[in-house]
Every structure is written in structure tokens, then in C-alpha cells.
């Protein structure tokens, strides 16, 4: 393995983000005190590299070993983790690694259970003389933290690869290393976890991880239960246009970590705000049916106000038909249709999968039979949707700023209209406007189930693939599973997961470049041994050091 090259690439990502530079200013606002050997840039780079396949865990022990044993001697001296004092060679201590990581976390900490007022250099004021942070102060810290973590993630995208204009969003449960507290009540109906009045802020967990909560997660063969005690990872994977050479490159572009068990609409919106605040383009969202459970006020109206378009699947509870009394149109699955649409088309059965992948040569007969069944179900669904589409109103404008949209009068099978239906505006007028209140949370560009919608929605599996890669226990995955680290707490855990996403992005981008033959001078894509982005800044680095014994 070439750990030095991996370290150089990780260091370059941290340097490009500017986060380490800003943290150094905050950690050492003046030059007083003993010097600190370990820099923020070096520590964060090591946290990235420790997610490689040659390291079993992402603990402080492994990070310390990486910095003092796995790196080459010249790299250690340049990074300041090894130095000479007279005739003696000294190395960084475990305590210095532990100390600096938690100093960084303290600067950002916004948990109502652990956040305290801090001095400018990040040290905590005596608990007896300081009150916990207010909800407003915690909100400011959360916003700052999410922005900085997304700056780090954005910097892990090679320079030649632009940000994708579509984000495939999803949430994935992550189990904390701490033992759960089974007495915590279910708070999934909480609007947000951030307010002082929320159950999250009021509850005091008996667990060693005070921020972890129970939540649902998809059960798989690796996860033997559908419940998890810990957090939810909110992740956005970039999806490029089909004609783009980067179409099959799926990198994380947005990230936030939230406590389990609470409504995720508000923190997801905060993530999107942070994502655009750091210079990313306003994204188009691709989301699964879980997002259609969120109310129009907490989700779709908020997206509309931000100019964000979403492509979403529908939950069974949101499907079916109802009349729009203002126009007489029949709303089916969030789209306007002629009121004389046959009843057997009110609810078209959806297949389990919208796209069937043909099995490779030599696949078992059982797998081939499953593929044929999936293909038949998809064909049946698309045929029914094609019939339903003949009754659909055709839009002749884009969606307006208030969420309303103008549609053309339907002409197919008008002779089926009843006497009452012939009096409606949808029958008598050339065009009708469907208000935002009618389309509600289900409004989207293409009608649900149409070929156009399937084409746009099919790539949603990219985010599931990305989550699968970072949670894989074997191979090159980042192994984000219970026991992957012993770190607990919302901010420390999120900080370490950010470095795992950076490792994932570098790994996947390099693999893509090798597969496609991409030629680039970017250090993130250069072959091992060719990574020389510039000299390291050797220690000592300022005044925020632990006691000398460390």
C-alpha cells in the first residue's frame, strides 16, 4: 500500500476546503502558550486515510498508529508527527490526537446534552459558571458545522469534475457504538429536534452516547433488525445528465447527520440551504416515496420557495383519485386527468422495481425467471400507464412560482363525459389552471408512472449504491457499521463520517478515472507516487496544545 500518497491526497482535499485554515485561526487566536505539534490539516487527513482497506477501524488508536508508524519517515517529519529534540527523536502521542479531535468537536458542538459556551480557542468554560447553549446558539453552530462539513465533501471532488445539478437524496440509519437506552419514548412525530421544547432536547438518555435515539432502518441480511439506536445519515449523491461523461460517476455532494427518531424535513432543508450557501448550484432533487409522507407545508412548499424541483415516488397512502372542485379535473396520483377517466385506471398497480436488469451469462434459472417476472410486471404497468396517459391533461406552461400550473383541455374520449362533467371548466375551457393547493405535495414535472417520469426517477438507486459502499464490511468500503469507531456524540460522529465520505469520493473518482482512461493532472487522480501538491507545514503550530505530558 502507498499510505503516503493517500495521505497527500487527503491533505490536499482538506487544504482546498479551507476548513483547517479557519479552525487553526479559531484554535490559536494568539501566540501564547506551549506550541502544538499536530495540525488540524494533518489530523483531518489522517482521519480520511484511516478509512482505507488496510485499517480495521477508525479509532484514535489507528489514527495515531497511522501518523507515527504507517507514514514514511520523511512524511512524518514534514507533517510534524515525528521530530528531533537534541539527539532524541520524538513522536506524536495518542493523547495529542485525542485532544485535538475533541477540541475541534467542541468548537462546533450543538447538542443540547453536551454543548457548552466555549472560549475563542475552543476550550470549555467551567460548567458551574456556564449555562447550556440556547436553541438559537445551537442553530448557529449547526449551520456553521454543516456548511464546513459540506465544504470538505465538495473539495473531495476532483477539479475536472463539476458538481452535478441533480441530487439523489436518501437517509440511512447508523448504529452508535454505545449501548442503547430502551426507555426513550418514540418521537417520530416531532416536527424538529432543534427547539428547546423538543423531546430530543428535553430527554436525558442513560446511554453513553447522549445524542443517539431509536429509529427505523431497512432490514437487510447484514442488518438483522429494522430498528437502529443511533443516528440518521442524510446523504445526497450527485447525478449528472445522461449525455455527460460523468453520468456513471456517483459521488457524495451533500451530507448531514441527525439524531434518530425525529422528523427529517426541517434538517434536510437546512442541509440544502447549507449546500447552496457554499456555492453549489440550486439542485434538482430525486427522492423516494418516504419524502411524500412529509406535509406540503414542511417540505414541498419549502422547496418551491427555494426554487428546488423534486422528482418523487408516491406512497400508497397518497395514491388514488379525487376531484378538483374548481376545474372538474380528476386528480390521480397528483396529476390532473379528464373527469371521464375510466375507474379501473384510478389506481394502477405498481411493480416492485421500475427497471429490470438482465442477468449475466451463466446466471441461475431462478434468477432468470425472476428477471422475466419483473420484466412482465413492468410491461404491464407501462401499458396501463400509457392507457391512463390518454386522459391526462397536458401542461402548456412550466410550474409557476406559486406552485400552480396551466394545462390544456383533454380531448380523448370526450364523448364519455356525463351531463354534469360537460358543465365543468375542464370541459368548456381551452386551458385550466390547477392550483398549488390541489397538486399539493405531489407536484412534479412529469406525471407519476409515465415513461418520462420513469426515465428521470430510475437513477435513484445511485444513492443506495453509495450508502452500500460506505457501509460495506468487506472489500474497499469505508465500513461505517457499529464498532467502526468508539467515538460517540452527534458532532464527533458526524465529523468522522465526513472524512469517510471524502475517502469514498476519492476512491470512486480514481476508480472511475482508471476505468474510463481519464487523463488529469489533478493530484486527486494522479497515480501513486506522483502526488506532490506542495510542502507540508511542519509543527509546531500554535498555542492550543494539551499539557506537556501529552
Protein backbone atom coordinates (compact mmCIF):
# COMPACT_ATOMS: atom_id res chain seq x y z
CA UNK A 1 0.00 0.00 0.00
CA UNK A 2 1.08 3.59 -0.54
CA UNK A 3 -0.22 5.33 2.57
CA UNK A 4 1.94 8.39 1.89
CA UNK A 5 0.21 9.00 -1.45
CA UNK A 6 -3.22 8.54 0.14
CA UNK A 7 -2.23 10.96 2.88
CA UNK A 8 -1.08 13.54 0.35
CA UNK A 9 -4.39 13.33 -1.49
CA UNK A 10 -6.41 13.62 1.72
CA UNK A 11 -4.29 16.57 2.84
CA UNK A 12 -4.94 18.30 -0.48
CA UNK A 13 -8.71 17.91 -0.03
CA UNK A 14 -8.55 19.44 3.45
CA UNK A 15 -6.37 22.26 2.15
CA UNK A 16 -8.70 23.05 -0.77
CA UNK A 17 -11.73 23.25 1.53
CA UNK A 18 -10.17 25.97 3.70
CA UNK A 19 -11.73 24.39 6.80
CA UNK A 20 -8.44 23.53 8.51
CA UNK A 21 -7.11 27.04 7.99
CA UNK A 22 -10.21 28.56 9.60
CA UNK A 23 -10.08 26.11 12.50
CA UNK A 24 -6.43 26.91 13.17
CA UNK A 25 -7.32 30.60 13.48
CA UNK A 26 -10.03 29.77 15.98
CA UNK A 27 -7.91 27.32 17.97
CA UNK A 28 -4.94 29.67 18.28
CA UNK A 29 -6.16 33.28 18.20
CA UNK A 30 -2.87 34.44 19.79
CA UNK A 31 0.65 33.09 20.09
CA UNK A 32 0.74 32.48 23.83
CA UNK A 33 1.07 29.05 25.37
CA UNK A 34 3.02 25.95 24.50
CA UNK A 35 3.29 25.03 20.81
CA UNK A 36 1.09 22.33 19.31
CA UNK A 37 2.80 19.72 17.16
CA UNK A 38 -0.26 18.27 15.45
CA UNK A 39 -2.01 20.49 12.87
CA UNK A 40 -5.70 20.36 12.07
CA UNK A 41 -4.84 19.65 8.42
CA UNK A 42 -2.72 16.65 9.36
CA UNK A 43 -5.31 15.24 11.76
CA UNK A 44 -8.21 15.53 9.31
CA UNK A 45 -6.12 13.99 6.53
CA UNK A 46 -5.29 11.06 8.79
CA UNK A 47 -8.99 10.62 9.62
CA UNK A 48 -9.61 10.26 5.87
CA UNK A 49 -6.82 7.74 5.25
CA UNK A 50 -7.76 5.55 8.23
CA UNK A 51 -10.90 4.52 6.30
CA UNK A 52 -8.78 2.62 3.80
CA UNK A 53 -8.87 -1.14 3.47
CA UNK A 54 -5.58 -1.56 5.34
CA UNK A 55 -7.01 -0.26 8.61
CA UNK A 56 -9.52 -2.28 10.61
CA UNK A 57 -11.20 0.56 12.49
CA UNK A 58 -11.38 4.35 12.58
CA UNK A 59 -10.40 4.67 16.24
CA UNK A 60 -7.93 7.13 17.73
CA UNK A 61 -5.53 4.24 18.24
CA UNK A 62 -5.46 3.52 14.49
CA UNK A 63 -5.23 7.23 13.61
CA UNK A 64 -2.26 7.58 15.96
CA UNK A 65 -0.58 4.49 14.51
CA UNK A 66 -1.11 5.83 11.01
CA UNK A 67 0.59 9.11 11.85
CA UNK A 68 3.52 7.57 13.71
CA UNK A 69 4.07 4.15 12.09
CA UNK A 70 2.39 3.75 8.69
CA UNK A 71 3.57 7.02 7.11
CA UNK A 72 7.10 7.16 5.77
CA UNK A 73 9.72 8.84 7.92
CA UNK A 74 10.08 11.85 5.62
CA UNK A 75 6.31 12.36 5.60
CA UNK A 76 6.16 12.12 9.40
CA UNK A 77 8.90 14.72 9.82
CA UNK A 78 7.24 17.03 7.28
CA UNK A 79 3.84 16.63 8.93
CA UNK A 80 5.26 17.28 12.39
CA UNK A 81 4.26 13.93 13.86
CA UNK A 82 7.94 13.00 14.33
CA UNK A 83 10.72 15.42 15.27
CA UNK A 84 14.14 15.58 16.87
CA UNK A 85 14.91 17.14 20.21
CA UNK A 86 18.64 17.30 20.58
CA UNK A 87 19.86 13.78 19.92
CA UNK A 88 16.44 12.27 20.64
CA UNK A 89 13.72 11.50 18.10
CA UNK A 90 10.21 12.03 19.43
CA UNK A 91 6.81 11.12 18.03
CA UNK A 92 3.28 12.33 18.45
CA UNK A 93 1.37 10.83 21.38
CA UNK A 94 -2.06 9.23 21.40
CA UNK A 95 -3.28 11.90 23.81
CA UNK A 96 -2.41 14.68 21.37
CA UNK A 97 -4.57 13.05 18.67
CA UNK A 98 -7.49 12.55 21.07
CA UNK A 99 -7.13 16.06 22.48
CA UNK A 100 -7.13 17.96 19.18
CA UNK A 101 -10.04 15.99 17.70
CA UNK A 102 -12.27 16.78 20.66
CA UNK A 103 -11.14 20.40 20.71
CA UNK A 104 -12.36 20.71 17.12
CA UNK A 105 -15.64 18.98 18.00
CA UNK A 106 -16.14 21.35 20.95
CA UNK A 107 -15.96 24.37 18.64
CA UNK A 108 -18.89 23.04 16.61
CA UNK A 109 -20.88 21.15 19.26
CA UNK A 110 -24.59 21.98 19.11
CA UNK A 111 -26.02 19.09 21.11
CA UNK A 112 -28.34 20.24 23.94
CA UNK A 113 -26.77 17.47 26.04
CA UNK A 114 -23.10 18.37 25.66
CA UNK A 115 -22.77 21.84 24.06
CA UNK A 116 -21.25 24.48 26.31
CA UNK A 117 -20.15 28.04 25.84
CA UNK A 118 -16.55 27.94 24.62
CA UNK A 119 -13.72 30.41 24.62
CA UNK A 120 -12.48 31.60 21.21
CA UNK A 121 -9.83 28.84 21.16
CA UNK A 122 -12.43 26.13 21.77
CA UNK A 123 -11.75 25.37 25.44
CA UNK A 124 -14.86 24.91 27.56
CA UNK A 125 -15.73 27.35 30.30
CA UNK A 126 -16.25 25.84 33.76
CA UNK A 127 -19.62 24.04 33.76
CA UNK A 128 -20.52 25.60 37.10
CA UNK A 129 -20.21 29.08 35.62
CA UNK A 130 -21.80 28.48 32.20
CA UNK A 131 -25.32 27.72 31.04
CA UNK A 132 -26.08 25.32 28.17
CA UNK A 133 -26.35 26.91 24.76
CA UNK A 134 -29.71 28.34 23.74
CA UNK A 135 -31.62 26.91 20.79
CA UNK A 136 -30.58 29.94 18.68
CA UNK A 137 -26.91 29.42 19.53
CA UNK A 138 -27.18 25.73 18.76
CA UNK A 139 -28.84 26.54 15.43
CA UNK A 140 -25.95 28.88 14.51
CA UNK A 141 -23.40 26.22 15.36
CA UNK A 142 -25.31 23.56 13.44
CA UNK A 143 -25.45 25.77 10.34
CA UNK A 144 -21.72 26.54 10.58
CA UNK A 145 -20.85 22.87 11.10
CA UNK A 146 -22.95 21.55 8.22
CA UNK A 147 -21.52 24.18 5.88
CA UNK A 148 -17.94 23.32 6.85
CA UNK A 149 -18.50 19.57 6.52
CA UNK A 150 -20.01 20.09 3.08
CA UNK A 151 -17.03 22.25 2.09
CA UNK A 152 -14.83 19.27 2.92
CA UNK A 153 -17.04 16.91 0.92
CA UNK A 154 -17.11 19.32 -2.04
CA UNK A 155 -13.31 19.58 -2.02
CA UNK A 156 -13.04 15.79 -2.45
CA UNK A 157 -14.49 16.11 -5.95
CA UNK A 158 -11.59 16.35 -8.45
CA UNK A 159 -11.24 19.76 -10.10
CA UNK A 160 -12.11 18.47 -13.57
CA UNK A 161 -15.46 17.08 -12.38
CA UNK A 162 -18.24 19.67 -11.99
CA UNK A 163 -20.95 19.49 -9.35
CA UNK A 164 -23.98 17.58 -10.63
CA UNK A 165 -27.22 19.54 -10.97
CA UNK A 166 -29.29 16.65 -9.58
CA UNK A 167 -29.02 15.35 -6.02
CA UNK A 168 -30.31 11.88 -5.23
CA UNK A 169 -31.33 12.20 -1.57
CA UNK A 170 -31.85 9.48 0.99
CA UNK A 171 -31.42 8.71 4.69
CA UNK A 172 -29.66 5.71 6.19
CA UNK A 173 -29.61 4.52 9.78
CA UNK A 174 -26.27 4.35 11.55
CA UNK A 175 -25.76 2.49 14.85
CA UNK A 176 -23.68 4.21 17.50
CA UNK A 177 -21.01 2.27 19.39
CA UNK A 178 -22.80 2.94 22.70
CA UNK A 179 -25.38 0.64 24.22
CA UNK A 180 -28.99 1.77 23.69
CA UNK A 181 -31.40 3.12 26.25
CA UNK A 182 -34.64 1.22 25.77
CA UNK A 183 -36.68 3.65 27.87
CA UNK A 184 -36.53 6.57 25.44
CA UNK A 185 -40.00 7.35 24.03
CA UNK A 186 -40.75 7.33 20.32
CA UNK A 187 -40.68 10.90 18.99
CA UNK A 188 -41.13 10.37 15.25
CA UNK A 189 -43.98 12.89 15.25
CA UNK A 190 -41.70 15.67 16.49
CA UNK A 191 -41.53 18.46 13.89
CA UNK A 192 -37.84 19.07 14.58
CA UNK A 193 -35.23 18.11 17.15
CA UNK A 194 -33.63 21.55 17.38
CA UNK A 195 -36.01 23.51 19.66
CA UNK A 196 -35.62 23.57 23.44
CA UNK A 197 -39.14 22.18 23.71
CA UNK A 198 -38.43 19.12 21.54
CA UNK A 199 -38.36 15.68 23.10
CA UNK A 200 -34.76 15.33 21.96
CA UNK A 201 -33.65 18.42 23.90
CA UNK A 202 -35.70 17.51 26.99
CA UNK A 203 -34.84 13.81 27.17
CA UNK A 204 -31.74 12.77 29.06
CA UNK A 205 -30.50 9.46 27.73
CA UNK A 206 -28.84 6.97 30.05
CA UNK A 207 -26.70 5.80 27.15
CA UNK A 208 -23.01 6.69 26.89
CA UNK A 209 -23.98 8.41 23.61
CA UNK A 210 -26.36 11.16 24.80
CA UNK A 211 -27.42 12.11 21.25
CA UNK A 212 -28.37 8.66 19.94
CA UNK A 213 -32.05 7.71 19.57
CA UNK A 214 -34.08 4.80 18.22
CA UNK A 215 -35.21 4.91 14.60
CA UNK A 216 -36.27 2.69 11.70
CA UNK A 217 -33.87 1.35 9.09
CA UNK A 218 -34.28 -1.01 6.16
CA UNK A 219 -33.64 -4.57 7.24
CA UNK A 220 -31.07 -6.49 5.17
CA UNK A 221 -29.02 -9.65 5.59
CA UNK A 222 -26.27 -7.50 7.15
CA UNK A 223 -28.73 -5.75 9.46
CA UNK A 224 -30.83 -8.33 11.23
CA UNK A 225 -33.37 -5.84 12.56
CA UNK A 226 -35.42 -2.93 11.26
CA UNK A 227 -34.55 -0.74 14.26
CA UNK A 228 -31.32 1.07 14.98
CA UNK A 229 -30.09 3.02 18.01
CA UNK A 230 -28.00 5.90 16.77
CA UNK A 231 -28.34 8.46 14.02
CA UNK A 232 -29.63 9.02 10.51
CA UNK A 233 -27.20 9.93 7.74
CA UNK A 234 -28.76 12.39 5.29
CA UNK A 235 -26.80 11.93 2.08
CA UNK A 236 -27.03 13.47 -1.38
CA UNK A 237 -25.27 11.78 -4.31
CA UNK A 238 -24.64 13.77 -7.48
CA UNK A 239 -26.30 12.58 -10.70
CA UNK A 240 -25.04 14.03 -13.99
CA UNK A 241 -27.02 14.28 -17.23
CA UNK A 242 -27.15 11.16 -19.43
CA UNK A 243 -25.03 12.81 -22.10
CA UNK A 244 -22.36 13.79 -19.60
CA UNK A 245 -19.11 11.79 -19.49
CA UNK A 246 -19.60 11.77 -15.70
CA UNK A 247 -23.04 10.16 -15.82
CA UNK A 248 -21.95 6.92 -14.13
CA UNK A 249 -19.80 8.69 -11.51
CA UNK A 250 -21.79 8.92 -8.28
CA UNK A 251 -20.05 10.96 -5.59
CA UNK A 252 -21.44 12.29 -2.33
CA UNK A 253 -22.14 16.01 -2.67
CA UNK A 254 -24.27 16.76 0.42
CA UNK A 255 -24.22 15.38 3.96
CA UNK A 256 -25.65 15.91 7.43
CA UNK A 257 -26.10 13.70 10.49
CA UNK A 258 -29.24 13.94 12.62
CA UNK A 259 -30.46 12.11 15.73
CA UNK A 260 -32.67 9.12 15.06
CA UNK A 261 -36.39 9.16 15.70
CA UNK A 262 -37.36 12.64 14.56
CA UNK A 263 -38.94 14.25 11.52
CA UNK A 264 -36.25 14.85 8.92
CA UNK A 265 -37.91 17.53 6.76
CA UNK A 266 -36.50 20.54 8.64
CA UNK A 267 -32.90 19.27 8.94
CA UNK A 268 -32.97 18.18 5.29
CA UNK A 269 -33.96 21.71 4.30
CA UNK A 270 -31.14 23.07 6.46
CA UNK A 271 -28.78 20.74 4.64
CA UNK A 272 -29.99 22.06 1.27
CA UNK A 273 -29.57 25.64 2.48
CA UNK A 274 -26.01 24.90 3.58
CA UNK A 275 -25.34 23.13 0.29
CA UNK A 276 -26.26 26.19 -1.78
CA UNK A 277 -24.70 28.63 0.71
CA UNK A 278 -21.21 27.30 -0.03
CA UNK A 279 -21.54 27.96 -3.78
CA UNK A 280 -23.20 24.83 -5.16
CA UNK A 281 -25.93 25.32 -7.79
CA UNK A 282 -29.58 25.02 -6.76
CA UNK A 283 -30.16 21.29 -7.21
CA UNK A 284 -32.96 19.23 -8.63
CA UNK A 285 -33.91 16.53 -6.10
CA UNK A 286 -34.62 12.88 -6.74
CA UNK A 287 -36.28 11.29 -3.68
CA UNK A 288 -38.11 8.10 -2.78
CA UNK A 289 -41.67 7.61 -1.53
CA UNK A 290 -40.69 8.30 2.07
CA UNK A 291 -40.44 12.00 1.23
CA UNK A 292 -44.04 12.06 0.01
CA UNK A 293 -45.07 11.40 3.64
CA UNK A 294 -43.93 14.89 4.60
CA UNK A 295 -46.59 17.57 4.58
CA UNK A 296 -46.89 20.24 1.93
CA UNK A 297 -46.12 22.97 4.49
CA UNK A 298 -42.95 21.35 5.85
CA UNK A 299 -41.49 20.07 2.58
CA UNK A 300 -42.88 20.78 -0.90
CA UNK A 301 -43.82 24.42 -0.19
CA UNK A 302 -40.37 24.97 1.28
CA UNK A 303 -38.75 23.51 -1.84
CA UNK A 304 -40.93 25.73 -4.02
CA UNK A 305 -39.83 28.81 -2.07
CA UNK A 306 -36.19 27.86 -2.71
CA UNK A 307 -36.75 27.19 -6.41
CA UNK A 308 -35.93 23.48 -5.97
CA UNK A 309 -37.66 20.92 -8.19
CA UNK A 310 -38.23 17.38 -6.95
CA UNK A 311 -38.88 14.08 -8.68
CA UNK A 312 -40.53 11.73 -6.21
CA UNK A 313 -42.14 8.35 -5.93
CA UNK A 314 -45.55 8.09 -4.27
CA UNK A 315 -46.53 6.31 -1.10
CA UNK A 316 -49.61 4.07 -1.37
CA UNK A 317 -51.48 6.38 1.01
CA UNK A 318 -51.03 9.28 -1.44
CA UNK A 319 -52.25 7.41 -4.48
CA UNK A 320 -55.79 7.27 -5.87
CA UNK A 321 -58.29 9.72 -7.36
CA UNK A 322 -60.14 12.81 -6.17
CA UNK A 323 -61.92 15.69 -7.90
CA UNK A 324 -60.70 19.25 -8.15
CA UNK A 325 -63.97 21.16 -7.50
CA UNK A 326 -62.65 24.36 -9.11
CA UNK A 327 -61.93 22.86 -12.55
CA UNK A 328 -63.70 19.48 -12.51
CA UNK A 329 -60.42 17.67 -13.28
CA UNK A 330 -59.87 14.32 -11.63
CA UNK A 331 -56.56 14.29 -9.73
CA UNK A 332 -54.97 10.84 -9.94
CA UNK A 333 -51.61 10.30 -8.25
CA UNK A 334 -51.09 14.05 -8.09
CA UNK A 335 -51.77 14.72 -11.79
CA UNK A 336 -54.94 16.17 -13.45
CA UNK A 337 -56.95 13.88 -15.75
CA UNK A 338 -60.25 14.13 -17.60
CA UNK A 339 -63.20 13.61 -15.24
CA UNK A 340 -64.48 10.87 -17.55
CA UNK A 341 -61.35 8.73 -16.99
CA UNK A 342 -62.47 5.06 -16.50
CA UNK A 343 -62.50 3.93 -12.87
CA UNK A 344 -60.25 0.92 -13.48
CA UNK A 345 -57.42 3.39 -14.15
CA UNK A 346 -57.80 5.23 -10.84
CA UNK A 347 -55.12 3.07 -9.19
CA UNK A 348 -52.68 1.28 -11.45
CA UNK A 349 -50.73 -1.39 -9.57
CA UNK A 350 -47.03 -0.52 -9.43
CA UNK A 351 -44.28 -3.15 -9.82
CA UNK A 352 -41.67 -3.61 -7.10
CA UNK A 353 -39.00 -2.33 -9.47
CA UNK A 354 -39.31 0.13 -12.34
CA UNK A 355 -36.19 -1.11 -14.11
CA UNK A 356 -35.18 -4.75 -14.58
CA UNK A 357 -31.50 -5.58 -15.07
CA UNK A 358 -30.84 -8.51 -17.35
CA UNK A 359 -28.85 -11.23 -15.55
CA UNK A 360 -25.37 -12.02 -16.87
CA UNK A 361 -24.48 -15.11 -18.84
CA UNK A 362 -24.35 -18.19 -16.67
CA UNK A 363 -26.91 -16.86 -14.18
CA UNK A 364 -29.12 -19.39 -12.45
CA UNK A 365 -32.51 -20.29 -13.88
CA UNK A 366 -34.10 -18.93 -10.73
CA UNK A 367 -32.54 -15.53 -11.34
CA UNK A 368 -33.55 -15.57 -14.99
CA UNK A 369 -37.14 -16.44 -14.03
CA UNK A 370 -37.21 -13.55 -11.53
CA UNK A 371 -35.97 -11.22 -14.27
CA UNK A 372 -38.74 -12.37 -16.64
CA UNK A 373 -41.37 -11.80 -13.94
CA UNK A 374 -40.03 -8.32 -13.22
CA UNK A 375 -39.99 -7.51 -16.92
CA UNK A 376 -43.59 -8.68 -17.33
CA UNK A 377 -44.75 -6.61 -14.33
CA UNK A 378 -43.01 -3.51 -15.69
CA UNK A 379 -44.51 -4.01 -19.15
CA UNK A 380 -47.99 -4.40 -17.66
CA UNK A 381 -47.54 -1.25 -15.58
CA UNK A 382 -46.30 0.81 -18.53
CA UNK A 383 -49.14 -0.40 -20.73
CA UNK A 384 -51.71 0.65 -18.12
CA UNK A 385 -49.96 4.00 -17.69
CA UNK A 386 -49.99 4.53 -21.42
CA UNK A 387 -53.76 4.00 -21.45
CA UNK A 388 -54.17 6.32 -18.46
CA UNK A 389 -51.97 8.93 -20.15
CA UNK A 390 -54.51 9.38 -22.95
CA UNK A 391 -56.83 11.01 -20.41
CA UNK A 392 -54.11 13.16 -18.84
CA UNK A 393 -54.15 16.94 -19.16
CA UNK A 394 -51.07 18.20 -20.99
CA UNK A 395 -49.19 21.10 -19.40
CA UNK A 396 -48.54 24.10 -21.62
CA UNK A 397 -46.50 26.09 -19.09
CA UNK A 398 -43.82 25.33 -16.56
CA UNK A 399 -44.74 25.29 -12.89
CA UNK A 400 -45.35 28.83 -11.63
CA UNK A 401 -43.67 30.39 -8.61
CA UNK A 402 -46.79 29.83 -6.51
CA UNK A 403 -46.91 26.12 -7.43
CA UNK A 404 -49.84 26.37 -9.84
CA UNK A 405 -49.66 25.18 -13.45
CA UNK A 406 -51.69 25.64 -16.64
CA UNK A 407 -52.92 22.62 -18.62
CA UNK A 408 -54.61 22.11 -21.98
CA UNK A 409 -58.17 20.81 -22.23
CA UNK A 410 -58.31 16.98 -22.62
CA UNK A 411 -59.78 15.72 -25.90
CA UNK A 412 -59.53 11.94 -25.69
CA UNK A 413 -62.95 10.19 -25.42
CA UNK A 414 -64.80 13.44 -24.66
CA UNK A 415 -68.00 11.70 -25.71
CA UNK A 416 -67.81 9.70 -22.45
CA UNK A 417 -68.37 12.85 -20.38
CA UNK A 418 -71.63 12.93 -18.43
CA UNK A 419 -74.02 15.88 -18.47
CA UNK A 420 -72.52 17.16 -15.21
CA UNK A 421 -68.97 16.77 -16.47
CA UNK A 422 -69.78 18.79 -19.60
CA UNK A 423 -70.51 21.79 -17.35
CA UNK A 424 -67.04 21.80 -15.79
CA UNK A 425 -64.27 24.21 -16.72
CA UNK A 426 -62.02 21.37 -17.78
CA UNK A 427 -64.61 20.52 -20.49
CA UNK A 428 -65.64 24.02 -21.56
CA UNK A 429 -62.33 25.93 -21.46
CA UNK A 430 -59.32 25.55 -23.72
CA UNK A 431 -56.99 25.66 -20.71
CA UNK A 432 -57.36 25.38 -16.96
CA UNK A 433 -55.03 26.29 -14.08
CA UNK A 434 -54.51 23.67 -11.39
CA UNK A 435 -53.76 25.49 -8.17
CA UNK A 436 -50.91 24.63 -5.83
CA UNK A 437 -53.41 23.63 -3.15
CA UNK A 438 -54.78 20.88 -5.39
CA UNK A 439 -51.49 19.42 -6.61
CA UNK A 440 -50.04 19.86 -3.11
CA UNK A 441 -47.05 17.86 -2.00
CA UNK A 442 -47.19 15.54 -5.05
CA UNK A 443 -46.49 18.16 -7.72
CA UNK A 444 -43.65 17.35 -10.10
CA UNK A 445 -42.67 17.99 -13.72
CA UNK A 446 -43.81 14.68 -15.23
CA UNK A 447 -46.87 12.67 -14.27
CA UNK A 448 -46.14 9.76 -11.96
CA UNK A 449 -45.78 6.44 -13.83
CA UNK A 450 -45.19 7.95 -17.27
CA UNK A 451 -42.20 6.92 -19.38
CA UNK A 452 -40.68 10.37 -18.82
CA UNK A 453 -41.06 10.03 -15.06
CA UNK A 454 -39.58 6.50 -15.07
CA UNK A 455 -36.62 7.76 -17.11
CA UNK A 456 -35.93 10.56 -14.62
CA UNK A 457 -36.60 8.51 -11.50
CA UNK A 458 -34.75 5.29 -12.45
CA UNK A 459 -31.28 6.56 -11.40
CA UNK A 460 -32.43 6.87 -7.76
CA UNK A 461 -30.59 3.63 -6.98
CA UNK A 462 -27.32 5.58 -7.15
CA UNK A 463 -27.70 6.79 -3.57
CA UNK A 464 -28.49 3.29 -2.31
CA UNK A 465 -25.35 2.06 -4.04
CA UNK A 466 -23.28 4.81 -2.42
CA UNK A 467 -24.65 4.03 1.05
CA UNK A 468 -23.95 0.36 0.44
CA UNK A 469 -20.34 1.12 -0.46
CA UNK A 470 -19.56 3.19 2.65
CA UNK A 471 -21.23 0.60 4.90
CA UNK A 472 -19.66 -2.49 3.30
CA UNK A 473 -17.76 -4.65 5.76
CA UNK A 474 -15.56 -6.25 3.14
CA UNK A 475 -13.53 -5.02 0.18
CA UNK A 476 -12.74 -1.33 -0.21
CA UNK A 477 -15.76 0.00 1.69
CA UNK A 478 -15.40 2.51 4.49
CA UNK A 479 -17.06 0.07 6.95
CA UNK A 480 -19.43 2.54 8.60
CA UNK A 481 -21.03 -0.04 10.88
CA UNK A 482 -21.45 -0.41 14.61
CA UNK A 483 -17.97 -0.87 16.10
CA UNK A 484 -16.30 1.01 13.21
CA UNK A 485 -15.29 3.63 15.80
CA UNK A 486 -15.69 4.19 19.53
CA UNK A 487 -16.43 7.89 19.10
CA UNK A 488 -19.89 8.94 20.33
CA UNK A 489 -21.91 12.13 20.15
CA UNK A 490 -23.61 13.91 17.28
CA UNK A 491 -20.81 16.27 16.21
CA UNK A 492 -17.79 13.96 16.75
CA UNK A 493 -19.55 11.17 14.85
CA UNK A 494 -20.57 13.50 12.01
CA UNK A 495 -17.01 14.83 11.78
CA UNK A 496 -15.62 11.32 11.36
CA UNK A 497 -18.33 10.28 8.88
CA UNK A 498 -17.43 13.35 6.80
CA UNK A 499 -13.89 12.04 6.46
CA UNK A 500 -15.31 8.64 5.43
CA UNK A 501 -17.31 10.30 2.64
CA UNK A 502 -14.14 12.07 1.48
CA UNK A 503 -12.36 8.73 1.33
CA UNK A 504 -15.28 7.26 -0.64
CA UNK A 505 -15.26 10.11 -3.16
CA UNK A 506 -11.52 9.91 -3.78
CA UNK A 507 -11.68 6.13 -4.10
CA UNK A 508 -14.62 6.12 -6.51
CA UNK A 509 -13.28 9.02 -8.60
CA UNK A 510 -9.90 7.32 -9.01
CA UNK A 511 -11.56 4.04 -9.95
CA UNK A 512 -13.75 5.86 -12.49
CA UNK A 513 -10.70 7.64 -13.98
CA UNK A 514 -8.88 4.35 -14.37
CA UNK A 515 -11.89 2.67 -15.96
CA UNK A 516 -12.58 5.49 -18.43
CA UNK A 517 -8.96 6.34 -19.18
CA UNK A 518 -9.41 9.88 -17.88
CA UNK A 519 -6.16 11.88 -18.05
CA UNK A 520 -5.83 14.58 -15.40
CA UNK A 521 -3.09 16.50 -13.67
CA UNK A 522 -5.25 16.78 -10.54
CA UNK A 523 -3.43 15.35 -7.53
CA UNK A 524 -6.61 13.50 -6.54
CA UNK A 525 -6.44 11.44 -9.75
CA UNK A 526 -2.67 11.18 -10.17
CA UNK A 527 -1.01 7.74 -9.88
CA UNK A 528 0.58 6.83 -6.54
CA UNK A 529 3.98 8.44 -6.21
CA UNK A 530 3.02 11.42 -8.36
CA UNK A 531 1.22 13.27 -5.58
CA UNK A 532 3.17 16.39 -4.69
CA UNK A 533 0.72 19.25 -4.15
CA UNK A 534 3.22 21.29 -2.19
CA UNK A 535 5.26 21.31 1.02
CA UNK A 536 3.64 20.43 4.30
CA UNK A 537 3.68 22.95 7.10
CA UNK A 538 5.71 21.29 9.84
CA UNK A 539 4.86 21.70 13.53
CA UNK A 540 4.83 23.30 15.98
CA UNK A 541 1.58 25.09 15.13
CA UNK A 542 0.41 27.48 17.78
CA UNK A 543 -0.89 27.72 21.29
CA UNK A 544 -3.73 25.22 21.63
CA UNK A 545 -1.66 22.32 22.91
CA UNK A 546 -2.52 19.80 25.61
CA UNK A 547 -0.41 19.60 28.75
CA UNK A 548 3.25 18.91 28.17
CA UNK A 549 2.89 15.36 29.46
CA UNK A 550 0.80 14.56 26.39
